[in-house]
Amino acid sequence: MFHMDEIQKRLLLEVAGLHEVPAGAFNFRANGKSIGRGNTANIEIVSKEDGSGIDIHVKPDTVNESVHIPVVMSASGLRETVYNDFFVGDNCDIVIVAGCGIDNCGRQDSEHDGVHRFFIGKNSKVKYVEKHFGSGSGEGKRILNPVTEVSLDEGSAMEMEMVQIKGVDSTNRKTVATLKENSRLNVRERLMTHGAQKATSIYHVSLDGKNSAADVVSRSVAKENSFQKLDLCIIGNAACHGHTECDSIIMDDGKILAVPSLEANHVDAMLVHEAAIGKIAGDQLIKLMTLGLTEQEAEEQIINGFLK
């Protein structure tokens, strides 16, 4: 049905966990072009008329189905912006797997900017997984700038897993969400930077409906000379519950700026934020080294456990 080279297959495995065409609806994009697509009776993917992206339509009452829309780039110097809109009907329960992998072995920068907009119907549940990965020995940078916009209708819920742990030179992630009555948003971000990489994560969540709730948690590790900025903001405009948490490990000459913020515009808005930045505890290293691990191996074990 479509062809991918070995590099593209490896990237697909990293960002989507796929060895082959998945069950359910899917759209594979490689080097700026759609190379494969499949629909189901309940989920339809169509190209936008201007060619700038795709629309994903999920019929009401669709349950136990999935959508995979990974992007891989193996051509140096390619830059693109793609707009993907998700229209999820009422009473659905689905999984959406996105993500982008860039392998750059050239001198020119490669960049993918994906704008994902979600319109989730009443009493629907969506699990969204977005993974970013970079590789390649070239001097050109691997740049990813995702934008995620979420609109949750009454009684709906969204779980977001946002992961970037290797190889991306520069990323500027922005997530904006609005929640109506009795809706829920849970975000778990995992981020690691190294070398001279830079990463910014911005979350702006508006709790507009009664009994709406958001829990936004970011765990990150900054190694070597990398820089991270974490900007997590929750706005309570009704009787609601909001929580943000930034938990970071700093190593070598890394730099981390955490900016958690809360804005209460209603007397019954209950909002909490937590932020912690620190190095790996010496007693943790010693304990693992007594079991036979080198210091580097002990650090890797601690980081892997922290980012799970």
C-alpha atoms as a PDB file:
ATOM      1  CA  MET A   1       0.000   0.000   0.000  1.00  0.00           C
ATOM      2  CA  PHE A   2       2.881   2.366   0.713  1.00  0.00           C
ATOM      3  CA  HIS A   3       6.659   2.279   1.049  1.00  0.00           C
ATOM      4  CA  MET A   4       8.901   3.493   3.866  1.00  0.00           C
ATOM      5  CA  ASP A   5      12.699   3.204   4.018  1.00  0.00           C
ATOM      6  CA  GLU A   6      14.496   1.765   7.040  1.00  0.00           C
ATOM      7  CA  ILE A   7      15.090   5.178   8.647  1.00  0.00           C
ATOM      8  CA  GLN A   8      11.415   6.083   8.346  1.00  0.00           C
ATOM      9  CA  LYS A   9      10.392   2.707   9.779  1.00  0.00           C
ATOM     10  CA  ARG A  10      12.665   3.281  12.785  1.00  0.00           C
ATOM     11  CA  LEU A  11      11.212   6.746  13.354  1.00  0.00           C
ATOM     12  CA  LEU A  12       7.687   5.329  13.114  1.00  0.00           C
ATOM     13  CA  LEU A  13       8.522   2.765  15.789  1.00  0.00           C
ATOM     14  CA  GLU A  14       9.949   5.464  18.083  1.00  0.00           C
ATOM     15  CA  VAL A  15       7.020   7.878  17.902  1.00  0.00           C
ATOM     16  CA  ALA A  16       4.069   5.528  17.433  1.00  0.00           C
ATOM     17  CA  GLY A  17       5.253   2.082  18.497  1.00  0.00           C
ATOM     18  CA  LEU A  18       4.252   0.645  15.124  1.00  0.00           C
ATOM     19  CA  HIS A  19       5.911  -2.176  13.200  1.00  0.00           C
ATOM     20  CA  GLU A  20       3.094  -2.404  10.666  1.00  0.00           C
ATOM     21  CA  VAL A  21      -0.192  -0.847   9.611  1.00  0.00           C
ATOM     22  CA  PRO A  22      -2.345  -0.506  12.753  1.00  0.00           C
ATOM     23  CA  ALA A  23      -5.919  -1.580  13.275  1.00  0.00           C
ATOM     24  CA  GLY A  24      -8.333   1.343  13.111  1.00  0.00           C
ATOM     25  CA  ALA A  25      -8.052   4.631  11.252  1.00  0.00           C
ATOM     26  CA  PHE A  26      -4.637   6.011  10.318  1.00  0.00           C
ATOM     27  CA  ASN A  27      -2.772   8.587   8.272  1.00  0.00           C
ATOM     28  CA  PHE A  28       0.980   8.275   7.738  1.00  0.00           C
ATOM     29  CA  ARG A  29       2.928  11.352   6.658  1.00  0.00           C
ATOM     30  CA  ALA A  30       6.545  11.173   5.449  1.00  0.00           C
ATOM     31  CA  ASN A  31       8.727  14.032   4.171  1.00  0.00           C
ATOM     32  CA  GLY A  32       5.818  16.408   3.659  1.00  0.00           C
ATOM     33  CA  LYS A  33       3.402  13.996   1.961  1.00  0.00           C
ATOM     34  CA  SER A  34       0.633  11.628   3.021  1.00  0.00           C
ATOM     35  CA  ILE A  35       1.818   8.114   2.077  1.00  0.00           C
ATOM     36  CA  GLY A  36      -0.976   5.967   3.497  1.00  0.00           C
ATOM     37  CA  ARG A  37      -4.465   6.301   4.932  1.00  0.00           C
ATOM     38  CA  GLY A  38      -7.202   4.079   6.259  1.00  0.00           C
ATOM     39  CA  ASN A  39     -10.712   4.754   7.564  1.00  0.00           C
ATOM     40  CA  THR A  40     -13.227   2.714   9.543  1.00  0.00           C
ATOM     41  CA  ALA A  41     -17.004   2.674   9.559  1.00  0.00           C
ATOM     42  CA  ASN A  42     -16.963   5.169  12.447  1.00  0.00           C
ATOM     43  CA  ILE A  43     -13.836   7.249  11.801  1.00  0.00           C
ATOM     44  CA  GLU A  44     -13.147   9.148   8.596  1.00  0.00           C
ATOM     45  CA  ILE A  45      -9.966  11.049   7.733  1.00  0.00           C
ATOM     46  CA  VAL A  46     -10.166  13.571   4.893  1.00  0.00           C
ATOM     47  CA  SER A  47      -7.628  15.996   3.475  1.00  0.00           C
ATOM     48  CA  LYS A  48      -8.224  19.706   3.853  1.00  0.00           C
ATOM     49  CA  GLU A  49      -9.104  21.381   0.573  1.00  0.00           C
ATOM     50  CA  ASP A  50      -6.065  23.653   0.730  1.00  0.00           C
ATOM     51  CA  GLY A  51      -3.725  20.728   1.396  1.00  0.00           C
ATOM     52  CA  SER A  52      -2.577  22.067   4.763  1.00  0.00           C
ATOM     53  CA  GLY A  53      -3.576  19.012   6.813  1.00  0.00           C
ATOM     54  CA  ILE A  54      -6.413  16.636   7.604  1.00  0.00           C
ATOM     55  CA  ASP A  55      -9.804  16.538   9.331  1.00  0.00           C
ATOM     56  CA  ILE A  56     -10.663  13.527  11.490  1.00  0.00           C
ATOM     57  CA  HIS A  57     -14.384  12.899  12.044  1.00  0.00           C
ATOM     58  CA  VAL A  58     -15.455  10.447  14.768  1.00  0.00           C
ATOM     59  CA  LYS A  59     -19.113   9.438  14.813  1.00  0.00           C
ATOM     60  CA  PRO A  60     -21.101   9.619  18.078  1.00  0.00           C
ATOM     61  CA  ASP A  61     -21.034   6.463  20.251  1.00  0.00           C
ATOM     62  CA  THR A  62     -17.722   5.247  18.796  1.00  0.00           C
ATOM     63  CA  VAL A  63     -15.893   3.166  21.423  1.00  0.00           C
ATOM     64  CA  ASN A  64     -12.740   1.031  21.572  1.00  0.00           C
ATOM     65  CA  GLU A  65     -11.298   2.461  18.358  1.00  0.00           C
ATOM     66  CA  SER A  66      -8.032   4.228  17.593  1.00  0.00           C
ATOM     67  CA  VAL A  67      -6.535   6.832  15.273  1.00  0.00           C
ATOM     68  CA  HIS A  68      -2.821   6.908  14.368  1.00  0.00           C
ATOM     69  CA  ILE A  69      -1.433  10.000  12.627  1.00  0.00           C
ATOM     70  CA  PRO A  70       2.387   9.867  12.940  1.00  0.00           C
ATOM     71  CA  VAL A  71       4.780  12.069  10.974  1.00  0.00           C
ATOM     72  CA  VAL A  72       8.339  11.123   9.988  1.00  0.00           C
ATOM     73  CA  MET A  73      10.954  13.284   8.304  1.00  0.00           C
ATOM     74  CA  SER A  74      14.243  11.978   6.903  1.00  0.00           C
ATOM     75  CA  ALA A  75      15.005  14.731   4.369  1.00  0.00           C
ATOM     76  CA  SER A  76      17.307  17.516   5.541  1.00  0.00           C
ATOM     77  CA  GLY A  77      16.087  21.074   4.999  1.00  0.00           C
ATOM     78  CA  LEU A  78      12.379  20.248   4.986  1.00  0.00           C
ATOM     79  CA  ARG A  79      10.065  22.657   6.840  1.00  0.00           C
ATOM     80  CA  GLU A  80       6.308  22.320   7.124  1.00  0.00           C
ATOM     81  CA  THR A  81       3.270  23.432   9.100  1.00  0.00           C
ATOM     82  CA  VAL A  82       0.330  21.040   9.251  1.00  0.00           C
ATOM     83  CA  TYR A  83      -3.177  21.647  10.663  1.00  0.00           C
ATOM     84  CA  ASN A  84      -5.115  18.626  11.912  1.00  0.00           C
ATOM     85  CA  ASP A  85      -8.646  19.006  13.313  1.00  0.00           C
ATOM     86  CA  PHE A  86     -10.411  16.311  15.347  1.00  0.00           C
ATOM     87  CA  PHE A  87     -14.199  16.332  15.561  1.00  0.00           C
ATOM     88  CA  VAL A  88     -15.255  13.757  18.173  1.00  0.00           C
ATOM     89  CA  GLY A  89     -18.973  13.108  18.584  1.00  0.00           C
ATOM     90  CA  ASP A  90     -20.870  12.530  21.837  1.00  0.00           C
ATOM     91  CA  ASN A  91     -20.411   9.405  23.982  1.00  0.00           C
ATOM     92  CA  CYS A  92     -17.169   8.246  22.384  1.00  0.00           C
ATOM     93  CA  ASP A  93     -14.183   6.468  23.945  1.00  0.00           C
ATOM     94  CA  ILE A  94     -11.135   6.460  21.644  1.00  0.00           C
ATOM     95  CA  VAL A  95      -7.328   6.584  21.563  1.00  0.00           C
ATOM     96  CA  ILE A  96      -5.391   8.975  19.327  1.00  0.00           C
ATOM     97  CA  VAL A  97      -1.659   8.443  18.716  1.00  0.00           C
ATOM     98  CA  ALA A  98       0.299  11.245  17.066  1.00  0.00           C
ATOM     99  CA  GLY A  99       3.952  12.286  17.221  1.00  0.00           C
ATOM    100  CA  CYS A 100       6.815  13.247  14.955  1.00  0.00           C
ATOM    101  CA  GLY A 101      10.257  11.794  14.383  1.00  0.00           C
ATOM    102  CA  ILE A 102      13.007  13.685  12.542  1.00  0.00           C
ATOM    103  CA  ASP A 103      16.259  12.133  11.312  1.00  0.00           C
ATOM    104  CA  ASN A 104      18.571  14.839   9.982  1.00  0.00           C
ATOM    105  CA  CYS A 105      21.924  13.837   8.499  1.00  0.00           C
ATOM    106  CA  GLY A 106      22.413  17.053   6.530  1.00  0.00           C
ATOM    107  CA  ARG A 107      23.497  20.637   7.131  1.00  0.00           C
ATOM    108  CA  GLN A 108      20.113  22.317   6.803  1.00  0.00           C
ATOM    109  CA  ASP A 109      17.558  22.541   9.602  1.00  0.00           C
ATOM    110  CA  SER A 110      14.470  20.319   9.448  1.00  0.00           C
ATOM    111  CA  GLU A 111      11.262  21.524  11.093  1.00  0.00           C
ATOM    112  CA  HIS A 112       7.750  20.218  11.650  1.00  0.00           C
ATOM    113  CA  ASP A 113       5.103  22.460  13.202  1.00  0.00           C
ATOM    114  CA  GLY A 114       1.886  20.592  13.896  1.00  0.00           C
ATOM    115  CA  VAL A 115      -1.301  22.364  14.989  1.00  0.00           C
ATOM    116  CA  HIS A 116      -3.855  19.933  16.454  1.00  0.00           C
ATOM    117  CA  ARG A 117      -7.329  21.155  17.347  1.00  0.00           C
ATOM    118  CA  PHE A 118      -9.724  18.946  19.290  1.00  0.00           C
ATOM    119  CA  PHE A 119     -13.492  19.455  19.516  1.00  0.00           C
ATOM    120  CA  ILE A 120     -14.697  16.764  21.914  1.00  0.00           C
ATOM    121  CA  GLY A 121     -18.406  16.101  22.312  1.00  0.00           C
ATOM    122  CA  LYS A 122     -20.456  15.547  25.441  1.00  0.00           C
ATOM    123  CA  ASN A 123     -19.553  12.617  27.708  1.00  0.00           C
ATOM    124  CA  SER A 124     -16.729  11.494  25.425  1.00  0.00           C
ATOM    125  CA  LYS A 125     -13.318  10.212  26.520  1.00  0.00           C
ATOM    126  CA  VAL A 126     -10.143  10.677  24.520  1.00  0.00           C
ATOM    127  CA  LYS A 127      -6.649   9.434  25.286  1.00  0.00           C
ATOM    128  CA  TYR A 128      -4.073  11.373  23.272  1.00  0.00           C
ATOM    129  CA  VAL A 129      -0.430  10.291  22.985  1.00  0.00           C
ATOM    130  CA  GLU A 130       2.126  12.598  21.354  1.00  0.00           C
ATOM    131  CA  LYS A 131       5.795  11.603  21.178  1.00  0.00           C
ATOM    132  CA  HIS A 132       8.695  13.549  19.674  1.00  0.00           C
ATOM    133  CA  PHE A 133      12.043  12.070  18.711  1.00  0.00           C
ATOM    134  CA  GLY A 134      15.153  13.255  16.909  1.00  0.00           C
ATOM    135  CA  SER A 135      18.187  11.482  15.459  1.00  0.00           C
ATOM    136  CA  GLY A 136      20.819  11.857  12.742  1.00  0.00           C
ATOM    137  CA  SER A 137      24.456  12.941  12.607  1.00  0.00           C
ATOM    138  CA  GLY A 138      24.023  16.091  10.516  1.00  0.00           C
ATOM    139  CA  GLU A 139      24.754  19.658  11.558  1.00  0.00           C
ATOM    140  CA  GLY A 140      21.202  20.728  10.730  1.00  0.00           C
ATOM    141  CA  LYS A 141      18.834  21.095  13.663  1.00  0.00           C
ATOM    142  CA  ARG A 142      15.760  19.009  14.418  1.00  0.00           C
ATOM    143  CA  ILE A 143      12.966  21.467  15.295  1.00  0.00           C
ATOM    144  CA  LEU A 144       9.448  20.660  16.511  1.00  0.00           C
ATOM    145  CA  ASN A 145       6.869  23.285  17.475  1.00  0.00           C
ATOM    146  CA  PRO A 146       3.546  21.618  18.350  1.00  0.00           C
ATOM    147  CA  VAL A 147       0.381  23.558  19.149  1.00  0.00           C
ATOM    148  CA  THR A 148      -2.549  21.753  20.770  1.00  0.00           C
ATOM    149  CA  GLU A 149      -5.965  23.359  21.217  1.00  0.00           C
ATOM    150  CA  VAL A 150      -8.609  21.461  23.177  1.00  0.00           C
ATOM    151  CA  SER A 151     -12.312  22.232  23.617  1.00  0.00           C
ATOM    152  CA  LEU A 152     -14.039  19.874  26.063  1.00  0.00           C
ATOM    153  CA  ASP A 153     -17.837  19.807  26.088  1.00  0.00           C
ATOM    154  CA  GLU A 154     -19.960  18.919  29.131  1.00  0.00           C
ATOM    155  CA  GLY A 155     -19.002  15.688  30.880  1.00  0.00           C
ATOM    156  CA  SER A 156     -16.118  14.924  28.529  1.00  0.00           C
ATOM    157  CA  ALA A 157     -12.575  13.918  29.498  1.00  0.00           C
ATOM    158  CA  MET A 158      -9.166  13.996  27.857  1.00  0.00           C
ATOM    159  CA  GLU A 159      -5.956  12.301  28.959  1.00  0.00           C
ATOM    160  CA  MET A 160      -2.795  13.637  27.320  1.00  0.00           C
ATOM    161  CA  GLU A 161       0.605  11.945  27.335  1.00  0.00           C
ATOM    162  CA  MET A 162       3.271  14.293  25.952  1.00  0.00           C
ATOM    163  CA  VAL A 163       6.759  12.789  25.589  1.00  0.00           C
ATOM    164  CA  GLN A 164      10.090  14.131  24.319  1.00  0.00           C
ATOM    165  CA  ILE A 165      13.194  12.437  25.657  1.00  0.00           C
ATOM    166  CA  LYS A 166      15.803  12.399  22.914  1.00  0.00           C
ATOM    167  CA  GLY A 167      17.317  14.219  19.984  1.00  0.00           C
ATOM    168  CA  VAL A 168      15.158  17.339  19.475  1.00  0.00           C
ATOM    169  CA  ASP A 169      17.314  20.478  19.258  1.00  0.00           C
ATOM    170  CA  SER A 170      14.551  23.036  19.699  1.00  0.00           C
ATOM    171  CA  THR A 171      10.909  22.775  20.664  1.00  0.00           C
ATOM    172  CA  ASN A 172       8.235  25.279  21.596  1.00  0.00           C
ATOM    173  CA  ARG A 173       5.127  23.436  22.776  1.00  0.00           C
ATOM    174  CA  LYS A 174       1.905  25.345  23.409  1.00  0.00           C
ATOM    175  CA  THR A 175      -1.279  23.757  24.743  1.00  0.00           C
ATOM    176  CA  VAL A 176      -4.514  25.704  25.237  1.00  0.00           C
ATOM    177  CA  ALA A 177      -7.643  24.101  26.694  1.00  0.00           C
ATOM    178  CA  THR A 178     -11.145  25.232  27.636  1.00  0.00           C
ATOM    179  CA  LEU A 179     -13.372  23.056  29.812  1.00  0.00           C
ATOM    180  CA  LYS A 180     -17.138  23.118  30.222  1.00  0.00           C
ATOM    181  CA  GLU A 181     -19.249  21.731  33.082  1.00  0.00           C
ATOM    182  CA  ASN A 182     -18.107  18.395  34.594  1.00  0.00           C
ATOM    183  CA  SER A 183     -15.286  17.969  32.081  1.00  0.00           C
ATOM    184  CA  ARG A 184     -11.785  16.702  32.947  1.00  0.00           C
ATOM    185  CA  LEU A 185      -8.268  17.225  31.597  1.00  0.00           C
ATOM    186  CA  ASN A 186      -5.243  15.188  32.738  1.00  0.00           C
ATOM    187  CA  VAL A 187      -1.793  15.929  31.296  1.00  0.00           C
ATOM    188  CA  ARG A 188       1.410  13.987  31.888  1.00  0.00           C
ATOM    189  CA  GLU A 189       4.453  15.520  30.243  1.00  0.00           C
ATOM    190  CA  ARG A 190       7.896  13.870  30.165  1.00  0.00           C
ATOM    191  CA  LEU A 191      10.805  15.866  28.795  1.00  0.00           C
ATOM    192  CA  MET A 192      14.571  15.440  28.612  1.00  0.00           C
ATOM    193  CA  THR A 193      17.050  17.820  27.005  1.00  0.00           C
ATOM    194  CA  HIS A 194      20.813  17.488  26.525  1.00  0.00           C
ATOM    195  CA  GLY A 195      23.654  19.181  24.688  1.00  0.00           C
ATOM    196  CA  ALA A 196      22.645  22.721  23.717  1.00  0.00           C
ATOM    197  CA  GLN A 197      18.962  21.862  23.243  1.00  0.00           C
ATOM    198  CA  LYS A 198      16.179  24.283  24.164  1.00  0.00           C
ATOM    199  CA  ALA A 199      12.625  23.392  25.125  1.00  0.00           C
ATOM    200  CA  THR A 200       9.650  25.521  26.125  1.00  0.00           C
ATOM    201  CA  SER A 201       6.354  24.046  27.336  1.00  0.00           C
ATOM    202  CA  ILE A 202       3.366  26.351  27.784  1.00  0.00           C
ATOM    203  CA  TYR A 203       0.006  25.179  29.138  1.00  0.00           C
ATOM    204  CA  HIS A 204      -2.942  27.558  29.425  1.00  0.00           C
ATOM    205  CA  VAL A 205      -6.058  25.874  30.820  1.00  0.00           C
ATOM    206  CA  SER A 206      -9.377  27.672  31.390  1.00  0.00           C
ATOM    207  CA  LEU A 207     -11.849  25.973  33.731  1.00  0.00           C
ATOM    208  CA  ASP A 208     -15.070  27.614  32.584  1.00  0.00           C
ATOM    209  CA  GLY A 209     -17.724  25.121  33.737  1.00  0.00           C
ATOM    210  CA  LYS A 210     -18.991  24.072  37.135  1.00  0.00           C
ATOM    211  CA  ASN A 211     -17.134  21.018  38.511  1.00  0.00           C
ATOM    212  CA  SER A 212     -14.564  21.092  35.721  1.00  0.00           C
ATOM    213  CA  ALA A 213     -11.092  19.885  36.700  1.00  0.00           C
ATOM    214  CA  ALA A 214      -7.543  19.854  35.380  1.00  0.00           C
ATOM    215  CA  ASP A 215      -4.378  18.090  36.542  1.00  0.00           C
ATOM    216  CA  VAL A 216      -1.240  19.133  34.648  1.00  0.00           C
ATOM    217  CA  VAL A 217       2.011  17.415  35.687  1.00  0.00           C
ATOM    218  CA  SER A 218       5.397  17.889  34.028  1.00  0.00           C
ATOM    219  CA  ARG A 219       8.515  15.861  34.806  1.00  0.00           C
ATOM    220  CA  SER A 220      11.745  16.908  33.138  1.00  0.00           C
ATOM    221  CA  VAL A 221      15.511  16.428  33.109  1.00  0.00           C
ATOM    222  CA  ALA A 222      17.959  19.072  31.813  1.00  0.00           C
ATOM    223  CA  LYS A 223      21.471  17.765  31.070  1.00  0.00           C
ATOM    224  CA  GLU A 224      24.737  19.341  29.904  1.00  0.00           C
ATOM    225  CA  ASN A 225      24.119  22.885  28.535  1.00  0.00           C
ATOM    226  CA  SER A 226      20.436  22.561  27.720  1.00  0.00           C
ATOM    227  CA  PHE A 227      17.665  24.972  28.725  1.00  0.00           C
ATOM    228  CA  GLN A 228      14.041  24.391  29.645  1.00  0.00           C
ATOM    229  CA  LYS A 229      11.159  26.714  30.406  1.00  0.00           C
ATOM    230  CA  LEU A 230       7.962  25.293  31.897  1.00  0.00           C
ATOM    231  CA  ASP A 231       5.013  27.696  31.971  1.00  0.00           C
ATOM    232  CA  LEU A 232       1.891  26.116  33.450  1.00  0.00           C
ATOM    233  CA  CYS A 233      -1.188  28.277  33.981  1.00  0.00           C
ATOM    234  CA  ILE A 234      -4.671  27.323  35.182  1.00  0.00           C
ATOM    235  CA  ILE A 235      -7.530  29.813  35.242  1.00  0.00           C
ATOM    236  CA  GLY A 236     -10.566  29.074  37.398  1.00  0.00           C
ATOM    237  CA  ASN A 237     -13.686  30.826  36.115  1.00  0.00           C
ATOM    238  CA  ALA A 238     -16.208  28.643  37.999  1.00  0.00           C
ATOM    239  CA  ALA A 239     -16.488  26.255  40.937  1.00  0.00           C
ATOM    240  CA  CYS A 240     -13.665  23.968  39.806  1.00  0.00           C
ATOM    241  CA  HIS A 241     -10.510  22.078  40.756  1.00  0.00           C
ATOM    242  CA  GLY A 242      -7.093  22.745  39.224  1.00  0.00           C
ATOM    243  CA  HIS A 243      -3.608  21.405  39.944  1.00  0.00           C
ATOM    244  CA  THR A 244      -0.228  21.976  38.284  1.00  0.00           C
ATOM    245  CA  GLU A 245       3.071  20.342  39.150  1.00  0.00           C
ATOM    246  CA  CYS A 246       6.590  20.895  37.805  1.00  0.00           C
ATOM    247  CA  ASP A 247       9.149  18.328  39.016  1.00  0.00           C
ATOM    248  CA  SER A 248      12.589  18.651  37.446  1.00  0.00           C
ATOM    249  CA  ILE A 249      16.116  17.244  37.735  1.00  0.00           C
ATOM    250  CA  ILE A 250      18.975  19.543  36.785  1.00  0.00           C
ATOM    251  CA  MET A 251      22.400  18.164  35.819  1.00  0.00           C
ATOM    252  CA  ASP A 252      25.780  19.462  34.612  1.00  0.00           C
ATOM    253  CA  ASP A 253      25.315  23.067  33.368  1.00  0.00           C
ATOM    254  CA  GLY A 254      21.634  22.754  32.536  1.00  0.00           C
ATOM    255  CA  LYS A 255      19.164  25.565  33.226  1.00  0.00           C
ATOM    256  CA  ILE A 256      15.474  25.307  34.127  1.00  0.00           C
ATOM    257  CA  LEU A 257      12.900  28.065  34.524  1.00  0.00           C
ATOM    258  CA  ALA A 258       9.591  26.951  36.075  1.00  0.00           C
ATOM    259  CA  VAL A 259       6.688  29.411  35.987  1.00  0.00           C
ATOM    260  CA  PRO A 260       3.577  27.835  37.513  1.00  0.00           C
ATOM    261  CA  SER A 261       0.666  30.264  37.817  1.00  0.00           C
ATOM    262  CA  LEU A 262      -2.926  30.233  39.014  1.00  0.00           C
ATOM    263  CA  GLU A 263      -5.757  32.699  38.399  1.00  0.00           C
ATOM    264  CA  ALA A 264      -8.956  32.413  40.435  1.00  0.00           C
ATOM    265  CA  ASN A 265     -11.976  34.333  39.145  1.00  0.00           C
ATOM    266  CA  HIS A 266     -14.600  32.516  41.207  1.00  0.00           C
ATOM    267  CA  VAL A 267     -14.935  32.161  44.980  1.00  0.00           C
ATOM    268  CA  ASP A 268     -15.246  28.362  44.682  1.00  0.00           C
ATOM    269  CA  ALA A 269     -12.272  27.849  42.387  1.00  0.00           C
ATOM    270  CA  MET A 270      -9.840  25.500  44.177  1.00  0.00           C
ATOM    271  CA  LEU A 271      -6.406  25.779  42.563  1.00  0.00           C
ATOM    272  CA  VAL A 272      -3.026  24.367  43.654  1.00  0.00           C
ATOM    273  CA  HIS A 273       0.451  24.463  42.148  1.00  0.00           C
ATOM    274  CA  GLU A 274       3.718  22.739  43.050  1.00  0.00           C
ATOM    275  CA  ALA A 275       7.234  23.202  41.680  1.00  0.00           C
ATOM    276  CA  ALA A 276      10.515  21.490  42.561  1.00  0.00           C
ATOM    277  CA  ILE A 277      13.935  21.596  40.876  1.00  0.00           C
ATOM    278  CA  GLY A 278      16.971  19.750  42.195  1.00  0.00           C
ATOM    279  CA  LYS A 279      19.875  17.454  41.433  1.00  0.00           C
ATOM    280  CA  ILE A 280      19.972  13.691  41.831  1.00  0.00           C
ATOM    281  CA  ALA A 281      20.395  12.830  45.500  1.00  0.00           C
ATOM    282  CA  GLY A 282      23.803  11.429  46.397  1.00  0.00           C
ATOM    283  CA  ASP A 283      22.372   8.661  48.553  1.00  0.00           C
ATOM    284  CA  GLN A 284      20.379   7.368  45.567  1.00  0.00           C
ATOM    285  CA  LEU A 285      23.561   7.103  43.501  1.00  0.00           C
ATOM    286  CA  ILE A 286      25.482   5.427  46.305  1.00  0.00           C
ATOM    287  CA  LYS A 287      22.746   2.867  46.877  1.00  0.00           C
ATOM    288  CA  LEU A 288      22.711   1.810  43.226  1.00  0.00           C
ATOM    289  CA  MET A 289      26.505   1.827  42.962  1.00  0.00           C
ATOM    290  CA  THR A 290      26.727  -0.575  45.905  1.00  0.00           C
ATOM    291  CA  LEU A 291      24.700  -2.965  43.743  1.00  0.00           C
ATOM    292  CA  GLY A 292      27.447  -2.938  41.109  1.00  0.00           C
ATOM    293  CA  LEU A 293      26.392  -0.087  38.810  1.00  0.00           C
ATOM    294  CA  THR A 294      28.806   2.593  37.663  1.00  0.00           C
ATOM    295  CA  GLU A 295      27.933   6.196  38.477  1.00  0.00           C
ATOM    296  CA  GLN A 296      26.748   6.770  34.895  1.00  0.00           C
ATOM    297  CA  GLU A 297      24.624   3.616  34.936  1.00  0.00           C
ATOM    298  CA  ALA A 298      23.131   4.639  38.278  1.00  0.00           C
ATOM    299  CA  GLU A 299      22.235   8.075  36.907  1.00  0.00           C
ATOM    300  CA  GLU A 300      20.558   6.501  33.881  1.00  0.00           C
ATOM    301  CA  GLN A 301      18.504   4.174  36.073  1.00  0.00           C
ATOM    302  CA  ILE A 302      17.329   7.053  38.250  1.00  0.00           C
ATOM    303  CA  ILE A 303      16.422   9.213  35.244  1.00  0.00           C
ATOM    304  CA  ASN A 304      14.577   6.379  33.505  1.00  0.00           C
ATOM    305  CA  GLY A 305      12.527   5.725  36.633  1.00  0.00           C
ATOM    306  CA  PHE A 306      11.840   9.437  37.118  1.00  0.00           C
ATOM    307  CA  LEU A 307      10.559   9.879  33.556  1.00  0.00           C
ATOM    308  CA  LYS A 308       8.304   6.810  33.502  1.00  0.00           C
END
